[in-house]
């Protein structure tokens, strides 16, 4: 029997029962394989290890108050993985293969799906990498697709409470025309130093600026950035930003609430004009920001002066999680019930 303290879960890895695997060999994907091992056997010359042929996704399974388990917009994750695979020349997992692997991973680990109301969810991690051996920079001829799951708590320990972040002027997460728009490991490796520096300075995350001019806001650490100004929902437009499925959903909800959505370049100086700012993504959903500090320039912007998330950020957050949990009608067709 699972003895997990669901309400105290960190956002981290926990061993579960089964993971799902498929191999691409000789020009085609093989049947799904089911494994209880946490380890994989990889050739020492695999392109995923040497040349960064690697992509991953993150989505969640939610237990509803009605006892049904729902996945949120899994098709978007499948499409984004296909885009990432094409972007760095990997074999593309078919939509049906992605779906079958993800749904089986949820079903076969149902005892690890946190109960409704605990604030925890079952995180689903699809992974794709070049497993074929190469010595020389070129795509592999073999690939591995794998899906594992882990129950998780909130990404930021503060949960849905305002956090402080630091402007990262000395580091770039991704270059224009590079891989920033793909969910590949290299982008996250490039963000680690800035992230750790921010943590040591007492901040929850780093805020990256555009690599070309250092004038415009790009990513908020591992998440997309957004701002509220009056009835406007504003989020950066950049070719080096990951297309967040959460952000895409929030834009739809904002318009549904009568707000105007703006996707455009956001100059750092505009931070003084915003009513609310936040970071959004699958892991955190929405993390309201109370303070942004530019240590190098000696500038600070403050929000949430009463210590609470802004009104519109709160409305968007609760509307989204109510749909994900099955507590509100899903008029957008975003959730899929997993038949257990």
Foldseek 3Di string as FASTA:
>chain_A
DDPDPQLPFAADFDQFAWKWKWKQAPHDIDDIDIDRDPDDDFDPQFCCVPPQQKFKFKWWWAQAPVRFIKTFQVVVRLVLQQVQCVVQVHDRDDPVNSVVRQLVQCVRRVVQADHPPSQKTKMKMKMKGGRAGDDDPDGHNMMMIMIHIGIHHANFPVAQFAWEEEEDPPFALAAAVTSLQHRTPSSLVRQVVVQVVRVVVPGNFYWYAHPPPSFFTAATRPFFKWFAAPLEIEGEDGRNHHPAPLVVVLCVVSVVVVGHYYYYTHTPVCLQRTAWMWTDHNRRSTHTHAKYAHVVVGDMHGYPVVRHHDDVVVVSSVVVVCVSNVVDDPPVPGMDTNDD
